[in-house]
Amino acid sequence: MGELDLSCIKRLFLPVLLAFLLIGL
């Protein structure tokens, strides 16, 4: 749709990545 930008990627993936790292910690 031409709406993908850095802000969208951060919102989608950053929380999931942080959760994964925190679970590992």
mmCIF file of all heavy atoms, coordinates in Angstrom:
data_MODEL
# 
_entry.id   MODEL 
# 
loop_
_atom_site.group_PDB 
_atom_site.id 
_atom_site.type_symbol 
_atom_site.label_atom_id 
_atom_site.label_alt_id 
_atom_site.label_comp_id 
_atom_site.label_asym_id 
_atom_site.label_entity_id 
_atom_site.label_seq_id 
_atom_site.pdbx_PDB_ins_code 
_atom_site.Cartn_x 
_atom_site.Cartn_y 
_atom_site.Cartn_z 
_atom_site.occupancy 
_atom_site.B_iso_or_equiv 
_atom_site.pdbx_formal_charge 
_atom_site.auth_seq_id 
_atom_site.auth_comp_id 
_atom_site.auth_asym_id 
_atom_site.auth_atom_id 
_atom_site.pdbx_PDB_model_num 
ATOM 1   N N   . MET A 1 1  ? 0.819  -1.215  0.000  1.00 0.00 ? 1  MET A N   1 
ATOM 2   C CA  . MET A 1 1  ? 0.000  0.000   0.000  1.00 0.00 ? 1  MET A CA  1 
ATOM 3   C C   . MET A 1 1  ? 0.851  1.262   0.000  1.00 0.00 ? 1  MET A C   1 
ATOM 4   O O   . MET A 1 1  ? 0.322  2.381   0.007  1.00 0.00 ? 1  MET A O   1 
ATOM 5   C CB  . MET A 1 1  ? -0.917 0.005   1.224  1.00 0.00 ? 1  MET A CB  1 
ATOM 6   C CG  . MET A 1 1  ? -1.943 -1.124  1.235  1.00 0.00 ? 1  MET A CG  1 
ATOM 7   S SD  . MET A 1 1  ? -2.873 -1.211  2.789  1.00 0.00 ? 1  MET A SD  1 
ATOM 8   C CE  . MET A 1 1  ? -3.715 0.371   2.773  1.00 0.00 ? 1  MET A CE  1 
ATOM 9   N N   . GLY A 1 2  ? 2.174  1.087   0.017  1.00 0.00 ? 2  GLY A N   1 
ATOM 10  C CA  . GLY A 1 2  ? 3.072  2.233   0.013  1.00 0.00 ? 2  GLY A CA  1 
ATOM 11  C C   . GLY A 1 2  ? 3.135  2.964   1.334  1.00 0.00 ? 2  GLY A C   1 
ATOM 12  O O   . GLY A 1 2  ? 3.504  4.147   1.384  1.00 0.00 ? 2  GLY A O   1 
ATOM 13  N N   . GLU A 1 3  ? 2.793  2.283   2.439  1.00 0.00 ? 3  GLU A N   1 
ATOM 14  C CA  . GLU A 1 3  ? 2.749  2.933   3.745  1.00 0.00 ? 3  GLU A CA  1 
ATOM 15  C C   . GLU A 1 3  ? 3.821  2.410   4.698  1.00 0.00 ? 3  GLU A C   1 
ATOM 16  O O   . GLU A 1 3  ? 3.835  2.768   5.876  1.00 0.00 ? 3  GLU A O   1 
ATOM 17  C CB  . GLU A 1 3  ? 1.373  2.725   4.381  1.00 0.00 ? 3  GLU A CB  1 
ATOM 18  C CG  . GLU A 1 3  ? 0.241  3.344   3.571  1.00 0.00 ? 3  GLU A CG  1 
ATOM 19  C CD  . GLU A 1 3  ? -1.118 3.040   4.179  1.00 0.00 ? 3  GLU A CD  1 
ATOM 20  O OE1 . GLU A 1 3  ? -1.155 2.331   5.213  1.00 0.00 ? 3  GLU A OE1 1 
ATOM 21  O OE2 . GLU A 1 3  ? -2.131 3.506   3.636  1.00 0.00 ? 3  GLU A OE2 1 
ATOM 22  N N   . LEU A 1 4  ? 4.708  1.571   4.210  1.00 0.00 ? 4  LEU A N   1 
ATOM 23  C CA  . LEU A 1 4  ? 5.736  0.997   5.078  1.00 0.00 ? 4  LEU A CA  1 
ATOM 24  C C   . LEU A 1 4  ? 6.905  1.969   5.202  1.00 0.00 ? 4  LEU A C   1 
ATOM 25  O O   . LEU A 1 4  ? 7.498  2.378   4.206  1.00 0.00 ? 4  LEU A O   1 
ATOM 26  C CB  . LEU A 1 4  ? 6.220  -0.336  4.510  1.00 0.00 ? 4  LEU A CB  1 
ATOM 27  C CG  . LEU A 1 4  ? 7.209  -1.114  5.378  1.00 0.00 ? 4  LEU A CG  1 
ATOM 28  C CD1 . LEU A 1 4  ? 6.538  -1.561  6.675  1.00 0.00 ? 4  LEU A CD1 1 
ATOM 29  C CD2 . LEU A 1 4  ? 7.757  -2.324  4.627  1.00 0.00 ? 4  LEU A CD2 1 
ATOM 30  N N   . ASP A 1 5  ? 7.208  2.356   6.433  1.00 0.00 ? 5  ASP A N   1 
ATOM 31  C CA  . ASP A 1 5  ? 8.360  3.217   6.691  1.00 0.00 ? 5  ASP A CA  1 
ATOM 32  C C   . ASP A 1 5  ? 9.076  2.726   7.953  1.00 0.00 ? 5  ASP A C   1 
ATOM 33  O O   . ASP A 1 5  ? 8.660  1.752   8.593  1.00 0.00 ? 5  ASP A O   1 
ATOM 34  C CB  . ASP A 1 5  ? 7.942  4.683   6.831  1.00 0.00 ? 5  ASP A CB  1 
ATOM 35  C CG  . ASP A 1 5  ? 6.864  4.879   7.892  1.00 0.00 ? 5  ASP A CG  1 
ATOM 36  O OD1 . ASP A 1 5  ? 6.735  4.003   8.788  1.00 0.00 ? 5  ASP A OD1 1 
ATOM 37  O OD2 . ASP A 1 5  ? 6.144  5.892   7.839  1.00 0.00 ? 5  ASP A OD2 1 
ATOM 38  N N   . LEU A 1 6  ? 10.140 3.409   8.322  1.00 0.00 ? 6  LEU A N   1 
ATOM 39  C CA  . LEU A 1 6  ? 10.939 2.993   9.468  1.00 0.00 ? 6  LEU A CA  1 
ATOM 40  C C   . LEU A 1 6  ? 10.124 3.009   10.757 1.00 0.00 ? 6  LEU A C   1 
ATOM 41  O O   . LEU A 1 6  ? 10.250 2.114   11.605 1.00 0.00 ? 6  LEU A O   1 
ATOM 42  C CB  . LEU A 1 6  ? 12.166 3.892   9.608  1.00 0.00 ? 6  LEU A CB  1 
ATOM 43  C CG  . LEU A 1 6  ? 13.134 3.535   10.753 1.00 0.00 ? 6  LEU A CG  1 
ATOM 44  C CD1 . LEU A 1 6  ? 13.684 2.122   10.570 1.00 0.00 ? 6  LEU A CD1 1 
ATOM 45  C CD2 . LEU A 1 6  ? 14.276 4.555   10.811 1.00 0.00 ? 6  LEU A CD2 1 
ATOM 46  N N   . SER A 1 7  ? 9.272  4.012   10.903 1.00 0.00 ? 7  SER A N   1 
ATOM 47  C CA  . SER A 1 7  ? 8.441  4.106   12.102 1.00 0.00 ? 7  SER A CA  1 
ATOM 48  C C   . SER A 1 7  ? 7.505  2.910   12.218 1.00 0.00 ? 7  SER A C   1 
ATOM 49  O O   . SER A 1 7  ? 7.325  2.341   13.306 1.00 0.00 ? 7  SER A O   1 
ATOM 50  C CB  . SER A 1 7  ? 7.626  5.403   12.067 1.00 0.00 ? 7  SER A CB  1 
ATOM 51  O OG  . SER A 1 7  ? 6.725  5.450   13.150 1.00 0.00 ? 7  SER A OG  1 
ATOM 52  N N   . CYS A 1 8  ? 6.919  2.491   11.105 1.00 0.00 ? 8  CYS A N   1 
ATOM 53  C CA  . CYS A 1 8  ? 6.008  1.344   11.090 1.00 0.00 ? 8  CYS A CA  1 
ATOM 54  C C   . CYS A 1 8  ? 6.758  0.063   11.458 1.00 0.00 ? 8  CYS A C   1 
ATOM 55  O O   . CYS A 1 8  ? 6.260  -0.749  12.254 1.00 0.00 ? 8  CYS A O   1 
ATOM 56  C CB  . CYS A 1 8  ? 5.371  1.209   9.711  1.00 0.00 ? 8  CYS A CB  1 
ATOM 57  S SG  . CYS A 1 8  ? 4.221  -0.185  9.567  1.00 0.00 ? 8  CYS A SG  1 
ATOM 58  N N   . ILE A 1 9  ? 7.953  -0.098  10.897 1.00 0.00 ? 9  ILE A N   1 
ATOM 59  C CA  . ILE A 1 9  ? 8.753  -1.297  11.190 1.00 0.00 ? 9  ILE A CA  1 
ATOM 60  C C   . ILE A 1 9  ? 9.112  -1.350  12.674 1.00 0.00 ? 9  ILE A C   1 
ATOM 61  O O   . ILE A 1 9  ? 9.041  -2.407  13.307 1.00 0.00 ? 9  ILE A O   1 
ATOM 62  C CB  . ILE A 1 9  ? 10.020 -1.313  10.317 1.00 0.00 ? 9  ILE A CB  1 
ATOM 63  C CG1 . ILE A 1 9  ? 9.639  -1.497  8.847  1.00 0.00 ? 9  ILE A CG1 1 
ATOM 64  C CG2 . ILE A 1 9  ? 10.971 -2.419  10.759 1.00 0.00 ? 9  ILE A CG2 1 
ATOM 65  C CD1 . ILE A 1 9  ? 10.805 -1.368  7.896  1.00 0.00 ? 9  ILE A CD1 1 
ATOM 66  N N   . LYS A 1 10 ? 9.505  -0.195  13.243 1.00 0.00 ? 10 LYS A N   1 
ATOM 67  C CA  . LYS A 1 10 ? 9.845  -0.144  14.664 1.00 0.00 ? 10 LYS A CA  1 
ATOM 68  C C   . LYS A 1 10 ? 8.651  -0.529  15.529 1.00 0.00 ? 10 LYS A C   1 
ATOM 69  O O   . LYS A 1 10 ? 8.788  -1.292  16.492 1.00 0.00 ? 10 LYS A O   1 
ATOM 70  C CB  . LYS A 1 10 ? 10.323 1.261   15.033 1.00 0.00 ? 10 LYS A CB  1 
ATOM 71  C CG  . LYS A 1 10 ? 11.737 1.571   14.572 1.00 0.00 ? 10 LYS A CG  1 
ATOM 72  C CD  . LYS A 1 10 ? 12.069 3.040   14.763 1.00 0.00 ? 10 LYS A CD  1 
ATOM 73  C CE  . LYS A 1 10 ? 11.892 3.478   16.197 1.00 0.00 ? 10 LYS A CE  1 
ATOM 74  N NZ  . LYS A 1 10 ? 12.215 4.912   16.376 1.00 0.00 ? 10 LYS A NZ  1 
ATOM 75  N N   . ARG A 1 11 ? 7.479  -0.012  15.194 1.00 0.00 ? 11 ARG A N   1 
ATOM 76  C CA  . ARG A 1 11 ? 6.282  -0.315  15.985 1.00 0.00 ? 11 ARG A CA  1 
ATOM 77  C C   . ARG A 1 11 ? 5.928  -1.803  15.911 1.00 0.00 ? 11 ARG A C   1 
ATOM 78  O O   . ARG A 1 11 ? 5.491  -2.387  16.902 1.00 0.00 ? 11 ARG A O   1 
ATOM 79  C CB  . ARG A 1 11 ? 5.104  0.521   15.495 1.00 0.00 ? 11 ARG A CB  1 
ATOM 80  C CG  . ARG A 1 11 ? 5.177  1.981   15.843 1.00 0.00 ? 11 ARG A CG  1 
ATOM 81  C CD  . ARG A 1 11 ? 4.060  2.778   15.178 1.00 0.00 ? 11 ARG A CD  1 
ATOM 82  N NE  . ARG A 1 11 ? 4.136  4.173   15.516 1.00 0.00 ? 11 ARG A NE  1 
ATOM 83  C CZ  . ARG A 1 11 ? 3.543  4.738   16.566 1.00 0.00 ? 11 ARG A CZ  1 
ATOM 84  N NH1 . ARG A 1 11 ? 2.824  3.979   17.374 1.00 0.00 ? 11 ARG A NH1 1 
ATOM 85  N NH2 . ARG A 1 11 ? 3.651  6.020   16.814 1.00 0.00 ? 11 ARG A NH2 1 
ATOM 86  N N   . LEU A 1 12 ? 6.113  -2.394  14.752 1.00 0.00 ? 12 LEU A N   1 
ATOM 87  C CA  . LEU A 1 12 ? 5.728  -3.789  14.568 1.00 0.00 ? 12 LEU A CA  1 
ATOM 88  C C   . LEU A 1 12 ? 6.716  -4.762  15.198 1.00 0.00 ? 12 LEU A C   1 
ATOM 89  O O   . LEU A 1 12 ? 6.310  -5.737  15.866 1.00 0.00 ? 12 LEU A O   1 
ATOM 90  C CB  . LEU A 1 12 ? 5.602  -4.103  13.075 1.00 0.00 ? 12 LEU A CB  1 
ATOM 91  C CG  . LEU A 1 12 ? 4.417  -3.479  12.332 1.00 0.00 ? 12 LEU A CG  1 
ATOM 92  C CD1 . LEU A 1 12 ? 4.561  -3.706  10.831 1.00 0.00 ? 12 LEU A CD1 1 
ATOM 93  C CD2 . LEU A 1 12 ? 3.105  -4.067  12.832 1.00 0.00 ? 12 LEU A CD2 1 
ATOM 94  N N   . PHE A 1 13 ? 8.004  -4.517  15.008 1.00 0.00 ? 13 PHE A N   1 
ATOM 95  C CA  . PHE A 1 13 ? 8.993  -5.539  15.345 1.00 0.00 ? 13 PHE A CA  1 
ATOM 96  C C   . PHE A 1 13 ? 9.788  -5.267  16.615 1.00 0.00 ? 13 PHE A C   1 
ATOM 97  O O   . PHE A 1 13 ? 10.231 -6.214  17.282 1.00 0.00 ? 13 PHE A O   1 
ATOM 98  C CB  . PHE A 1 13 ? 9.969  -5.734  14.179 1.00 0.00 ? 13 PHE A CB  1 
ATOM 99  C CG  . PHE A 1 13 ? 9.338  -6.339  12.963 1.00 0.00 ? 13 PHE A CG  1 
ATOM 100 C CD1 . PHE A 1 13 ? 8.951  -5.549  11.895 1.00 0.00 ? 13 PHE A CD1 1 
ATOM 101 C CD2 . PHE A 1 13 ? 9.108  -7.709  12.899 1.00 0.00 ? 13 PHE A CD2 1 
ATOM 102 C CE1 . PHE A 1 13 ? 8.357  -6.112  10.772 1.00 0.00 ? 13 PHE A CE1 1 
ATOM 103 C CE2 . PHE A 1 13 ? 8.527  -8.285  11.785 1.00 0.00 ? 13 PHE A CE2 1 
ATOM 104 C CZ  . PHE A 1 13 ? 8.142  -7.477  10.716 1.00 0.00 ? 13 PHE A CZ  1 
ATOM 105 N N   . LEU A 1 14 ? 10.002 -4.007  16.956 1.00 0.00 ? 14 LEU A N   1 
ATOM 106 C CA  . LEU A 1 14 ? 10.838 -3.704  18.114 1.00 0.00 ? 14 LEU A CA  1 
ATOM 107 C C   . LEU A 1 14 ? 10.274 -4.289  19.412 1.00 0.00 ? 14 LEU A C   1 
ATOM 108 O O   . LEU A 1 14 ? 11.027 -4.899  20.193 1.00 0.00 ? 14 LEU A O   1 
ATOM 109 C CB  . LEU A 1 14 ? 11.046 -2.193  18.242 1.00 0.00 ? 14 LEU A CB  1 
ATOM 110 C CG  . LEU A 1 14 ? 12.001 -1.751  19.362 1.00 0.00 ? 14 LEU A CG  1 
ATOM 111 C CD1 . LEU A 1 14 ? 13.379 -2.386  19.153 1.00 0.00 ? 14 LEU A CD1 1 
ATOM 112 C CD2 . LEU A 1 14 ? 12.107 -0.218  19.402 1.00 0.00 ? 14 LEU A CD2 1 
ATOM 113 N N   . PRO A 1 15 ? 8.975  -4.154  19.701 1.00 0.00 ? 15 PRO A N   1 
ATOM 114 C CA  . PRO A 1 15 ? 8.454  -4.745  20.947 1.00 0.00 ? 15 PRO A CA  1 
ATOM 115 C C   . PRO A 1 15 ? 8.616  -6.268  21.000 1.00 0.00 ? 15 PRO A C   1 
ATOM 116 O O   . PRO A 1 15 ? 8.916  -6.824  22.060 1.00 0.00 ? 15 PRO A O   1 
ATOM 117 C CB  . PRO A 1 15 ? 6.965  -4.353  20.933 1.00 0.00 ? 15 PRO A CB  1 
ATOM 118 C CG  . PRO A 1 15 ? 6.877  -3.195  20.017 1.00 0.00 ? 15 PRO A CG  1 
ATOM 119 C CD  . PRO A 1 15 ? 7.925  -3.415  18.969 1.00 0.00 ? 15 PRO A CD  1 
ATOM 120 N N   . VAL A 1 16 ? 8.414  -6.935  19.856 1.00 0.00 ? 16 VAL A N   1 
ATOM 121 C CA  . VAL A 1 16 ? 8.543  -8.394  19.821 1.00 0.00 ? 16 VAL A CA  1 
ATOM 122 C C   . VAL A 1 16 ? 9.991  -8.793  20.074 1.00 0.00 ? 16 VAL A C   1 
ATOM 123 O O   . VAL A 1 16 ? 10.276 -9.746  20.826 1.00 0.00 ? 16 VAL A O   1 
ATOM 124 C CB  . VAL A 1 16 ? 8.053  -8.952  18.468 1.00 0.00 ? 16 VAL A CB  1 
ATOM 125 C CG1 . VAL A 1 16 ? 8.156  -10.472 18.453 1.00 0.00 ? 16 VAL A CG1 1 
ATOM 126 C CG2 . VAL A 1 16 ? 6.617  -8.525  18.201 1.00 0.00 ? 16 VAL A CG2 1 
ATOM 127 N N   . LEU A 1 17 ? 10.933 -8.055  19.468 1.00 0.00 ? 17 LEU A N   1 
ATOM 128 C CA  . LEU A 1 17 ? 12.359 -8.342  19.670 1.00 0.00 ? 17 LEU A CA  1 
ATOM 129 C C   . LEU A 1 17 ? 12.757 -8.108  21.122 1.00 0.00 ? 17 LEU A C   1 
ATOM 130 O O   . LEU A 1 17 ? 13.462 -8.928  21.725 1.00 0.00 ? 17 LEU A O   1 
ATOM 131 C CB  . LEU A 1 17 ? 13.199 -7.460  18.743 1.00 0.00 ? 17 LEU A CB  1 
ATOM 132 C CG  . LEU A 1 17 ? 14.726 -7.581  18.897 1.00 0.00 ? 17 LEU A CG  1 
ATOM 133 C CD1 . LEU A 1 17 ? 15.187 -8.999  18.591 1.00 0.00 ? 17 LEU A CD1 1 
ATOM 134 C CD2 . LEU A 1 17 ? 15.433 -6.570  17.995 1.00 0.00 ? 17 LEU A CD2 1 
ATOM 135 N N   . LEU A 1 18 ? 12.295 -7.000  21.707 1.00 0.00 ? 18 LEU A N   1 
ATOM 136 C CA  . LEU A 1 18 ? 12.617 -6.703  23.106 1.00 0.00 ? 18 LEU A CA  1 
ATOM 137 C C   . LEU A 1 18 ? 12.038 -7.768  24.037 1.00 0.00 ? 18 LEU A C   1 
ATOM 138 O O   . LEU A 1 18 ? 12.678 -8.161  25.019 1.00 0.00 ? 18 LEU A O   1 
ATOM 139 C CB  . LEU A 1 18 ? 12.086 -5.319  23.486 1.00 0.00 ? 18 LEU A CB  1 
ATOM 140 C CG  . LEU A 1 18 ? 12.822 -4.120  22.866 1.00 0.00 ? 18 LEU A CG  1 
ATOM 141 C CD1 . LEU A 1 18 ? 12.124 -2.815  23.245 1.00 0.00 ? 18 LEU A CD1 1 
ATOM 142 C CD2 . LEU A 1 18 ? 14.280 -4.094  23.310 1.00 0.00 ? 18 LEU A CD2 1 
ATOM 143 N N   . ALA A 1 19 ? 10.826 -8.213  23.738 1.00 0.00 ? 19 ALA A N   1 
ATOM 144 C CA  . ALA A 1 19 ? 10.212 -9.266  24.550 1.00 0.00 ? 19 ALA A CA  1 
ATOM 145 C C   . ALA A 1 19 ? 11.045 -10.540 24.487 1.00 0.00 ? 19 ALA A C   1 
ATOM 146 O O   . ALA A 1 19 ? 11.293 -11.197 25.514 1.00 0.00 ? 19 ALA A O   1 
ATOM 147 C CB  . ALA A 1 19 ? 8.787  -9.538  24.070 1.00 0.00 ? 19 ALA A CB  1 
ATOM 148 N N   . PHE A 1 20 ? 11.502 -10.885 23.294 1.00 0.00 ? 20 PHE A N   1 
ATOM 149 C CA  . PHE A 1 20 ? 12.322 -12.079 23.108 1.00 0.00 ? 20 PHE A CA  1 
ATOM 150 C C   . PHE A 1 20 ? 13.618 -11.984 23.915 1.00 0.00 ? 20 PHE A C   1 
ATOM 151 O O   . PHE A 1 20 ? 14.017 -12.933 24.602 1.00 0.00 ? 20 PHE A O   1 
ATOM 152 C CB  . PHE A 1 20 ? 12.626 -12.247 21.622 1.00 0.00 ? 20 PHE A CB  1 
ATOM 153 C CG  . PHE A 1 20 ? 13.426 -13.475 21.285 1.00 0.00 ? 20 PHE A CG  1 
ATOM 154 C CD1 . PHE A 1 20 ? 12.811 -14.715 21.209 1.00 0.00 ? 20 PHE A CD1 1 
ATOM 155 C CD2 . PHE A 1 20 ? 14.783 -13.398 21.042 1.00 0.00 ? 20 PHE A CD2 1 
ATOM 156 C CE1 . PHE A 1 20 ? 13.546 -15.859 20.898 1.00 0.00 ? 20 PHE A CE1 1 
ATOM 157 C CE2 . PHE A 1 20 ? 15.530 -14.522 20.724 1.00 0.00 ? 20 PHE A CE2 1 
ATOM 158 C CZ  . PHE A 1 20 ? 14.896 -15.759 20.660 1.00 0.00 ? 20 PHE A CZ  1 
ATOM 159 N N   . LEU A 1 21 ? 14.261 -10.821 23.859 1.00 0.00 ? 21 LEU A N   1 
ATOM 160 C CA  . LEU A 1 21 ? 15.518 -10.628 24.585 1.00 0.00 ? 21 LEU A CA  1 
ATOM 161 C C   . LEU A 1 21 ? 15.295 -10.659 26.090 1.00 0.00 ? 21 LEU A C   1 
ATOM 162 O O   . LEU A 1 21 ? 16.093 -11.232 26.841 1.00 0.00 ? 21 LEU A O   1 
ATOM 163 C CB  . LEU A 1 21 ? 16.164 -9.299  24.170 1.00 0.00 ? 21 LEU A CB  1 
ATOM 164 C CG  . LEU A 1 21 ? 16.637 -9.216  22.715 1.00 0.00 ? 21 LEU A CG  1 
ATOM 165 C CD1 . LEU A 1 21 ? 17.148 -7.813  22.401 1.00 0.00 ? 21 LEU A CD1 1 
ATOM 166 C CD2 . LEU A 1 21 ? 17.721 -10.253 22.434 1.00 0.00 ? 21 LEU A CD2 1 
ATOM 167 N N   . LEU A 1 22 ? 14.199 -10.051 26.552 1.00 0.00 ? 22 LEU A N   1 
ATOM 168 C CA  . LEU A 1 22 ? 13.920 -10.024 27.985 1.00 0.00 ? 22 LEU A CA  1 
ATOM 169 C C   . LEU A 1 22 ? 13.600 -11.423 28.508 1.00 0.00 ? 22 LEU A C   1 
ATOM 170 O O   . LEU A 1 22 ? 14.029 -11.802 29.608 1.00 0.00 ? 22 LEU A O   1 
ATOM 171 C CB  . LEU A 1 22 ? 12.748 -9.080  28.271 1.00 0.00 ? 22 LEU A CB  1 
ATOM 172 C CG  . LEU A 1 22 ? 12.525 -8.724  29.749 1.00 0.00 ? 22 LEU A CG  1 
ATOM 173 C CD1 . LEU A 1 22 ? 13.713 -7.949  30.290 1.00 0.00 ? 22 LEU A CD1 1 
ATOM 174 C CD2 . LEU A 1 22 ? 11.243 -7.911  29.915 1.00 0.00 ? 22 LEU A CD2 1 
ATOM 175 N N   . ILE A 1 23 ? 12.876 -12.189 27.721 1.00 0.00 ? 23 ILE A N   1 
ATOM 176 C CA  . ILE A 1 23 ? 12.575 -13.578 28.107 1.00 0.00 ? 23 ILE A CA  1 
ATOM 177 C C   . ILE A 1 23 ? 13.875 -14.378 28.213 1.00 0.00 ? 23 ILE A C   1 
ATOM 178 O O   . ILE A 1 23 ? 14.057 -15.162 29.149 1.00 0.00 ? 23 ILE A O   1 
ATOM 179 C CB  . ILE A 1 23 ? 11.605 -14.223 27.095 1.00 0.00 ? 23 ILE A CB  1 
ATOM 180 C CG1 . ILE A 1 23 ? 10.221 -13.590 27.230 1.00 0.00 ? 23 ILE A CG1 1 
ATOM 181 C CG2 . ILE A 1 23 ? 11.506 -15.733 27.306 1.00 0.00 ? 23 ILE A CG2 1 
ATOM 182 C CD1 . ILE A 1 23 ? 9.264  -13.955 26.109 1.00 0.00 ? 23 ILE A CD1 1 
ATOM 183 N N   . GLY A 1 24 ? 14.767 -14.178 27.264 1.00 0.00 ? 24 GLY A N   1 
ATOM 184 C CA  . GLY A 1 24 ? 16.055 -14.862 27.320 1.00 0.00 ? 24 GLY A CA  1 
ATOM 185 C C   . GLY A 1 24 ? 16.868 -14.441 28.520 1.00 0.00 ? 24 GLY A C   1 
ATOM 186 O O   . GLY A 1 24 ? 17.536 -15.260 29.160 1.00 0.00 ? 24 GLY A O   1 
ATOM 187 N N   . LEU A 1 25 ? 16.807 -13.135 28.873 1.00 0.00 ? 25 LEU A N   1 
ATOM 188 C CA  . LEU A 1 25 ? 17.562 -12.626 30.007 1.00 0.00 ? 25 LEU A CA  1 
ATOM 189 C C   . LEU A 1 25 ? 17.074 -13.231 31.316 1.00 0.00 ? 25 LEU A C   1 
ATOM 190 O O   . LEU A 1 25 ? 17.863 -13.606 32.185 1.00 0.00 ? 25 LEU A O   1 
ATOM 191 C CB  . LEU A 1 25 ? 17.447 -11.097 30.058 1.00 0.00 ? 25 LEU A CB  1 
ATOM 192 C CG  . LEU A 1 25 ? 18.186 -10.385 31.202 1.00 0.00 ? 25 LEU A CG  1 
ATOM 193 C CD1 . LEU A 1 25 ? 19.694 -10.568 31.052 1.00 0.00 ? 25 LEU A CD1 1 
ATOM 194 C CD2 . LEU A 1 25 ? 17.829 -8.906  31.222 1.00 0.00 ? 25 LEU A CD2 1 
# 
